[in-house]
Amino acid sequence: MENIIKEARKAKKMSQEDLAKVCGVSRQTINAIENNKYDPSLALAFQLAFCLGVSVDQLFQYTGKGNEIE
C-alpha cells in the first residue's frame, strides 16, 4: 500500500512528532508508515486522514503488491 502521509503532513507544516502526538502513536510509527514499512490499522488510518484533513482513500492507495490471494 502506498501513501501520501509525508506530503500531507508537510502541507500542514507538521513534524512526524506533531502528527504522532495528535494520533497517539510514536514518531517511529509515523516514520514506518510514511516509508511503507508498516500498514496502519483501519482505526489509525482514519485518524491519520482526519488529522491531515483528507479522506482515507486520498491518503492511501492500494497497490496489491505482496498481498496476492491464491
PDB file of N, CA and C in Angstrom:
ATOM      1  N   MET A   1       0.846  -1.166   0.000  1.00  0.00           N
ATOM      2  CA  MET A   1       0.000   0.000   0.000  1.00  0.00           C
ATOM      3  C   MET A   1       0.894   1.234   0.000  1.00  0.00           C
ATOM      4  N   GLU A   2       0.623   2.145  -0.882  1.00  0.00           N
ATOM      5  CA  GLU A   2       1.355   3.413  -0.960  1.00  0.00           C
ATOM      6  C   GLU A   2       0.563   4.477  -0.209  1.00  0.00           C
ATOM      7  N   ASN A   3       1.258   5.551   0.213  1.00  0.00           N
ATOM      8  CA  ASN A   3       0.543   6.625   0.904  1.00  0.00           C
ATOM      9  C   ASN A   3       1.187   7.973   0.628  1.00  0.00           C
ATOM     10  N   ILE A   4       0.433   9.025   0.927  1.00  0.00           N
ATOM     11  CA  ILE A   4       0.935  10.390   0.755  1.00  0.00           C
ATOM     12  C   ILE A   4       0.980  11.112   2.106  1.00  0.00           C
ATOM     13  N   ILE A   5       1.223  10.358   3.169  1.00  0.00           N
ATOM     14  CA  ILE A   5       1.226  10.951   4.510  1.00  0.00           C
ATOM     15  C   ILE A   5       2.282  12.036   4.629  1.00  0.00           C
ATOM     16  N   LYS A   6       3.488  11.766   4.152  1.00  0.00           N
ATOM     17  CA  LYS A   6       4.566  12.749   4.272  1.00  0.00           C
ATOM     18  C   LYS A   6       4.191  14.065   3.595  1.00  0.00           C
ATOM     19  N   GLU A   7       3.656  13.984   2.395  1.00  0.00           N
ATOM     20  CA  GLU A   7       3.271  15.184   1.656  1.00  0.00           C
ATOM     21  C   GLU A   7       2.143  15.932   2.371  1.00  0.00           C
ATOM     22  N   ALA A   8       1.140  15.185   2.833  1.00  0.00           N
ATOM     23  CA  ALA A   8       0.007  15.804   3.531  1.00  0.00           C
ATOM     24  C   ALA A   8       0.462  16.424   4.855  1.00  0.00           C
ATOM     25  N   ARG A   9       1.356  15.748   5.546  1.00  0.00           N
ATOM     26  CA  ARG A   9       1.878  16.248   6.823  1.00  0.00           C
ATOM     27  C   ARG A   9       2.663  17.538   6.605  1.00  0.00           C
ATOM     28  N   LYS A  10       3.526  17.552   5.592  1.00  0.00           N
ATOM     29  CA  LYS A  10       4.322  18.748   5.312  1.00  0.00           C
ATOM     30  C   LYS A  10       3.442  19.918   4.858  1.00  0.00           C
ATOM     31  N   ALA A  11       2.378  19.623   4.129  1.00  0.00           N
ATOM     32  CA  ALA A  11       1.447  20.672   3.704  1.00  0.00           C
ATOM     33  C   ALA A  11       0.786  21.336   4.908  1.00  0.00           C
ATOM     34  N   LYS A  12       0.628  20.565   5.992  1.00  0.00           N
ATOM     35  CA  LYS A  12       0.043  21.108   7.239  1.00  0.00           C
ATOM     36  C   LYS A  12       1.120  21.677   8.157  1.00  0.00           C
ATOM     37  N   LYS A  13       2.379  21.660   7.683  1.00  0.00           N
ATOM     38  CA  LYS A  13       3.520  22.148   8.462  1.00  0.00           C
ATOM     39  C   LYS A  13       3.649  21.426   9.799  1.00  0.00           C
ATOM     40  N   MET A  14       3.475  20.108   9.743  1.00  0.00           N
ATOM     41  CA  MET A  14       3.582  19.266  10.927  1.00  0.00           C
ATOM     42  C   MET A  14       4.832  18.402  10.831  1.00  0.00           C
ATOM     43  N   SER A  15       5.469  18.176  11.971  1.00  0.00           N
ATOM     44  CA  SER A  15       6.576  17.225  12.022  1.00  0.00           C
ATOM     45  C   SER A  15       5.991  15.833  12.260  1.00  0.00           C
ATOM     46  N   GLN A  16       6.835  14.829  12.113  1.00  0.00           N
ATOM     47  CA  GLN A  16       6.387  13.476  12.433  1.00  0.00           C
ATOM     48  C   GLN A  16       5.963  13.408  13.900  1.00  0.00           C
ATOM     49  N   GLU A  17       6.707  14.077  14.755  1.00  0.00           N
ATOM     50  CA  GLU A  17       6.397  14.087  16.187  1.00  0.00           C
ATOM     51  C   GLU A  17       5.036  14.735  16.446  1.00  0.00           C
ATOM     52  N   ASP A  18       4.751  15.850  15.767  1.00  0.00           N
ATOM     53  CA  ASP A  18       3.453  16.523  15.923  1.00  0.00           C
ATOM     54  C   ASP A  18       2.310  15.584  15.558  1.00  0.00           C
ATOM     55  N   LEU A  19       2.425  14.939  14.402  1.00  0.00           N
ATOM     56  CA  LEU A  19       1.371  14.036  13.941  1.00  0.00           C
ATOM     57  C   LEU A  19       1.231  12.840  14.883  1.00  0.00           C
ATOM     58  N   ALA A  20       2.358  12.334  15.335  1.00  0.00           N
ATOM     59  CA  ALA A  20       2.335  11.196  16.263  1.00  0.00           C
ATOM     60  C   ALA A  20       1.591  11.548  17.548  1.00  0.00           C
ATOM     61  N   LYS A  21       1.860  12.714  18.103  1.00  0.00           N
ATOM     62  CA  LYS A  21       1.203  13.133  19.345  1.00  0.00           C
ATOM     63  C   LYS A  21      -0.303  13.254  19.160  1.00  0.00           C
ATOM     64  N   VAL A  22      -0.709  13.867  18.072  1.00  0.00           N
ATOM     65  CA  VAL A  22      -2.132  14.048  17.807  1.00  0.00           C
ATOM     66  C   VAL A  22      -2.841  12.705  17.633  1.00  0.00           C
ATOM     67  N   CYS A  23      -2.150  11.751  17.027  1.00  0.00           N
ATOM     68  CA  CYS A  23      -2.746  10.442  16.751  1.00  0.00           C
ATOM     69  C   CYS A  23      -2.515   9.417  17.866  1.00  0.00           C
ATOM     70  N   GLY A  24      -1.700   9.770  18.848  1.00  0.00           N
ATOM     71  CA  GLY A  24      -1.467   8.869  19.966  1.00  0.00           C
ATOM     72  C   GLY A  24      -0.575   7.680  19.649  1.00  0.00           C
ATOM     73  N   VAL A  25       0.383   7.883  18.733  1.00  0.00           N
ATOM     74  CA  VAL A  25       1.341   6.840  18.391  1.00  0.00           C
ATOM     75  C   VAL A  25       2.745   7.419  18.494  1.00  0.00           C
ATOM     76  N   SER A  26       3.743   6.586  18.286  1.00  0.00           N
ATOM     77  CA  SER A  26       5.123   7.068  18.347  1.00  0.00           C
ATOM     78  C   SER A  26       5.544   7.692  17.016  1.00  0.00           C
ATOM     79  N   ARG A  27       6.586   8.510  17.086  1.00  0.00           N
ATOM     80  CA  ARG A  27       7.144   9.103  15.874  1.00  0.00           C
ATOM     81  C   ARG A  27       7.665   7.995  14.962  1.00  0.00           C
ATOM     82  N   GLN A  28       8.189   6.929  15.566  1.00  0.00           N
ATOM     83  CA  GLN A  28       8.701   5.811  14.787  1.00  0.00           C
ATOM     84  C   GLN A  28       7.594   5.135  13.980  1.00  0.00           C
ATOM     85  N   THR A  29       6.393   5.084  14.543  1.00  0.00           N
ATOM     86  CA  THR A  29       5.253   4.511  13.821  1.00  0.00           C
ATOM     87  C   THR A  29       4.933   5.352  12.595  1.00  0.00           C
ATOM     88  N   ILE A  30       4.899   6.668  12.769  1.00  0.00           N
ATOM     89  CA  ILE A  30       4.631   7.566  11.633  1.00  0.00           C
ATOM     90  C   ILE A  30       5.705   7.386  10.578  1.00  0.00           C
ATOM     91  N   ASN A  31       6.966   7.316  10.999  1.00  0.00           N
ATOM     92  CA  ASN A  31       8.071   7.128  10.066  1.00  0.00           C
ATOM     93  C   ASN A  31       7.912   5.820   9.295  1.00  0.00           C
ATOM     94  N   ALA A  32       7.596   4.744   9.986  1.00  0.00           N
ATOM     95  CA  ALA A  32       7.435   3.441   9.325  1.00  0.00           C
ATOM     96  C   ALA A  32       6.283   3.455   8.329  1.00  0.00           C
ATOM     97  N   ILE A  33       5.180   4.113   8.680  1.00  0.00           N
ATOM     98  CA  ILE A  33       4.036   4.197   7.760  1.00  0.00           C
ATOM     99  C   ILE A  33       4.415   5.022   6.532  1.00  0.00           C
ATOM    100  N   GLU A  34       5.063   6.176   6.749  1.00  0.00           N
ATOM    101  CA  GLU A  34       5.466   7.029   5.626  1.00  0.00           C
ATOM    102  C   GLU A  34       6.398   6.301   4.661  1.00  0.00           C
ATOM    103  N   ASN A  35       7.234   5.427   5.199  1.00  0.00           N
ATOM    104  CA  ASN A  35       8.201   4.705   4.378  1.00  0.00           C
ATOM    105  C   ASN A  35       7.690   3.348   3.899  1.00  0.00           C
ATOM    106  N   ASN A  36       6.380   3.140   4.008  1.00  0.00           N
ATOM    107  CA  ASN A  36       5.724   1.919   3.533  1.00  0.00           C
ATOM    108  C   ASN A  36       6.311   0.654   4.150  1.00  0.00           C
ATOM    109  N   LYS A  37       6.745   0.754   5.403  1.00  0.00           N
ATOM    110  CA  LYS A  37       7.272  -0.403   6.112  1.00  0.00           C
ATOM    111  C   LYS A  37       6.253  -0.964   7.092  1.00  0.00           C
ATOM    112  N   TYR A  38       5.133  -0.260   7.250  1.00  0.00           N
ATOM    113  CA  TYR A  38       4.094  -0.679   8.194  1.00  0.00           C
ATOM    114  C   TYR A  38       2.754  -0.171   7.691  1.00  0.00           C
ATOM    115  N   ASP A  39       1.769  -1.059   7.618  1.00  0.00           N
ATOM    116  CA  ASP A  39       0.411  -0.656   7.255  1.00  0.00           C
ATOM    117  C   ASP A  39      -0.366  -0.432   8.544  1.00  0.00           C
ATOM    118  N   PRO A  40      -0.935   0.755   8.713  1.00  0.00           N
ATOM    119  CA  PRO A  40      -1.649   1.048   9.954  1.00  0.00           C
ATOM    120  C   PRO A  40      -2.963   0.274  10.059  1.00  0.00           C
ATOM    121  N   SER A  41      -3.461   0.174  11.283  1.00  0.00           N
ATOM    122  CA  SER A  41      -4.792  -0.413  11.478  1.00  0.00           C
ATOM    123  C   SER A  41      -5.808   0.490  10.795  1.00  0.00           C
ATOM    124  N   LEU A  42      -6.988  -0.031  10.585  1.00  0.00           N
ATOM    125  CA  LEU A  42      -8.044   0.760   9.967  1.00  0.00           C
ATOM    126  C   LEU A  42      -8.354   1.992  10.818  1.00  0.00           C
ATOM    127  N   ALA A  43      -8.413   1.813  12.135  1.00  0.00           N
ATOM    128  CA  ALA A  43      -8.698   2.938  13.033  1.00  0.00           C
ATOM    129  C   ALA A  43      -7.625   4.013  12.918  1.00  0.00           C
ATOM    130  N   LEU A  44      -6.362   3.615  12.884  1.00  0.00           N
ATOM    131  CA  LEU A  44      -5.280   4.594  12.764  1.00  0.00           C
ATOM    132  C   LEU A  44      -5.297   5.266  11.396  1.00  0.00           C
ATOM    133  N   ALA A  45      -5.620   4.527  10.356  1.00  0.00           N
ATOM    134  CA  ALA A  45      -5.713   5.118   9.019  1.00  0.00           C
ATOM    135  C   ALA A  45      -6.764   6.226   8.996  1.00  0.00           C
ATOM    136  N   PHE A  46      -7.919   5.977   9.613  1.00  0.00           N
ATOM    137  CA  PHE A  46      -8.962   7.004   9.672  1.00  0.00           C
ATOM    138  C   PHE A  46      -8.513   8.197  10.516  1.00  0.00           C
ATOM    139  N   GLN A  47      -7.817   7.919  11.611  1.00  0.00           N
ATOM    140  CA  GLN A  47      -7.343   9.004  12.470  1.00  0.00           C
ATOM    141  C   GLN A  47      -6.307   9.862  11.745  1.00  0.00           C
ATOM    142  N   LEU A  48      -5.388   9.225  11.041  1.00  0.00           N
ATOM    143  CA  LEU A  48      -4.395   9.966  10.267  1.00  0.00           C
ATOM    144  C   LEU A  48      -5.077  10.849   9.220  1.00  0.00           C
ATOM    145  N   ALA A  49      -6.021  10.275   8.506  1.00  0.00           N
ATOM    146  CA  ALA A  49      -6.738  11.033   7.476  1.00  0.00           C
ATOM    147  C   ALA A  49      -7.459  12.231   8.096  1.00  0.00           C
ATOM    148  N   PHE A  50      -8.124  12.010   9.225  1.00  0.00           N
ATOM    149  CA  PHE A  50      -8.844  13.093   9.896  1.00  0.00           C
ATOM    150  C   PHE A  50      -7.874  14.199  10.316  1.00  0.00           C
ATOM    151  N   CYS A  51      -6.764  13.824  10.939  1.00  0.00           N
ATOM    152  CA  CYS A  51      -5.780  14.800  11.415  1.00  0.00           C
ATOM    153  C   CYS A  51      -5.145  15.585  10.275  1.00  0.00           C
ATOM    154  N   LEU A  52      -5.044  14.955   9.109  1.00  0.00           N
ATOM    155  CA  LEU A  52      -4.418  15.608   7.964  1.00  0.00           C
ATOM    156  C   LEU A  52      -5.435  16.273   7.037  1.00  0.00           C
ATOM    157  N   GLY A  53      -6.708  16.145   7.362  1.00  0.00           N
ATOM    158  CA  GLY A  53      -7.747  16.837   6.597  1.00  0.00           C
ATOM    159  C   GLY A  53      -8.000  16.265   5.218  1.00  0.00           C
ATOM    160  N   VAL A  54      -7.793  14.954   5.075  1.00  0.00           N
ATOM    161  CA  VAL A  54      -8.054  14.294   3.794  1.00  0.00           C
ATOM    162  C   VAL A  54      -8.859  13.025   4.066  1.00  0.00           C
ATOM    163  N   SER A  55      -9.341  12.402   3.010  1.00  0.00           N
ATOM    164  CA  SER A  55     -10.053  11.142   3.181  1.00  0.00           C
ATOM    165  C   SER A  55      -9.052   9.988   3.181  1.00  0.00           C
ATOM    166  N   VAL A  56      -9.470   8.863   3.703  1.00  0.00           N
ATOM    167  CA  VAL A  56      -8.603   7.684   3.751  1.00  0.00           C
ATOM    168  C   VAL A  56      -8.189   7.273   2.344  1.00  0.00           C
ATOM    169  N   ASP A  57      -9.116   7.319   1.397  1.00  0.00           N
ATOM    170  CA  ASP A  57      -8.769   6.892   0.041  1.00  0.00           C
ATOM    171  C   ASP A  57      -7.842   7.885  -0.657  1.00  0.00           C
ATOM    172  N   GLN A  58      -7.779   9.126  -0.189  1.00  0.00           N
ATOM    173  CA  GLN A  58      -6.795  10.069  -0.717  1.00  0.00           C
ATOM    174  C   GLN A  58      -5.419   9.786  -0.109  1.00  0.00           C
ATOM    175  N   LEU A  59      -5.410   9.397   1.157  1.00  0.00           N
ATOM    176  CA  LEU A  59      -4.173   9.198   1.896  1.00  0.00           C
ATOM    177  C   LEU A  59      -3.468   7.898   1.520  1.00  0.00           C
ATOM    178  N   PHE A  60      -4.244   6.846   1.250  1.00  0.00           N
ATOM    179  CA  PHE A  60      -3.683   5.524   0.961  1.00  0.00           C
ATOM    180  C   PHE A  60      -4.157   5.022  -0.398  1.00  0.00           C
ATOM    181  N   GLN A  61      -3.225   4.435  -1.150  1.00  0.00           N
ATOM    182  CA  GLN A  61      -3.560   3.828  -2.424  1.00  0.00           C
ATOM    183  C   GLN A  61      -3.131   2.368  -2.374  1.00  0.00           C
ATOM    184  N   TYR A  62      -4.083   1.477  -2.586  1.00  0.00           N
ATOM    185  CA  TYR A  62      -3.794   0.048  -2.576  1.00  0.00           C
ATOM    186  C   TYR A  62      -3.105  -0.336  -3.867  1.00  0.00           C
ATOM    187  N   THR A  63      -1.959  -1.008  -3.747  1.00  0.00           N
ATOM    188  CA  THR A  63      -1.195  -1.398  -4.937  1.00  0.00           C
ATOM    189  C   THR A  63      -1.306  -2.887  -5.222  1.00  0.00           C
ATOM    190  N   GLY A  64      -1.731  -3.664  -4.245  1.00  0.00           N
ATOM    191  CA  GLY A  64      -1.838  -5.102  -4.426  1.00  0.00           C
ATOM    192  C   GLY A  64      -0.529  -5.833  -4.318  1.00  0.00           C
ATOM    193  N   LYS A  65       0.570  -5.126  -4.115  1.00  0.00           N
ATOM    194  CA  LYS A  65       1.891  -5.754  -4.027  1.00  0.00           C
ATOM    195  C   LYS A  65       2.022  -6.526  -2.723  1.00  0.00           C
ATOM    196  N   GLY A  66       2.413  -7.782  -2.848  1.00  0.00           N
ATOM    197  CA  GLY A  66       2.674  -8.604  -1.681  1.00  0.00           C
ATOM    198  C   GLY A  66       1.445  -9.152  -0.978  1.00  0.00           C
ATOM    199  N   ASN A  67       0.288  -8.936  -1.548  1.00  0.00           N
ATOM    200  CA  ASN A  67      -0.950  -9.380  -0.910  1.00  0.00           C
ATOM    201  C   ASN A  67      -1.773 -10.272  -1.828  1.00  0.00           C
ATOM    202  N   GLU A  68      -1.100 -11.052  -2.662  1.00  0.00           N
ATOM    203  CA  GLU A  68      -1.814 -11.891  -3.609  1.00  0.00           C
ATOM    204  C   GLU A  68      -2.558 -13.015  -2.903  1.00  0.00           C
ATOM    205  N   ILE A  69      -3.770 -13.232  -3.318  1.00  0.00           N
ATOM    206  CA  ILE A  69      -4.587 -14.325  -2.784  1.00  0.00           C
ATOM    207  C   ILE A  69      -4.534 -15.460  -3.801  1.00  0.00           C
ATOM    208  N   GLU A  70      -4.239 -16.648  -3.332  1.00  0.00           N
ATOM    209  CA  GLU A  70      -4.125 -17.783  -4.255  1.00  0.00           C
ATOM    210  C   GLU A  70      -5.390 -18.583  -4.270  1.00  0.00           C
TER     211      GLU A  70
END
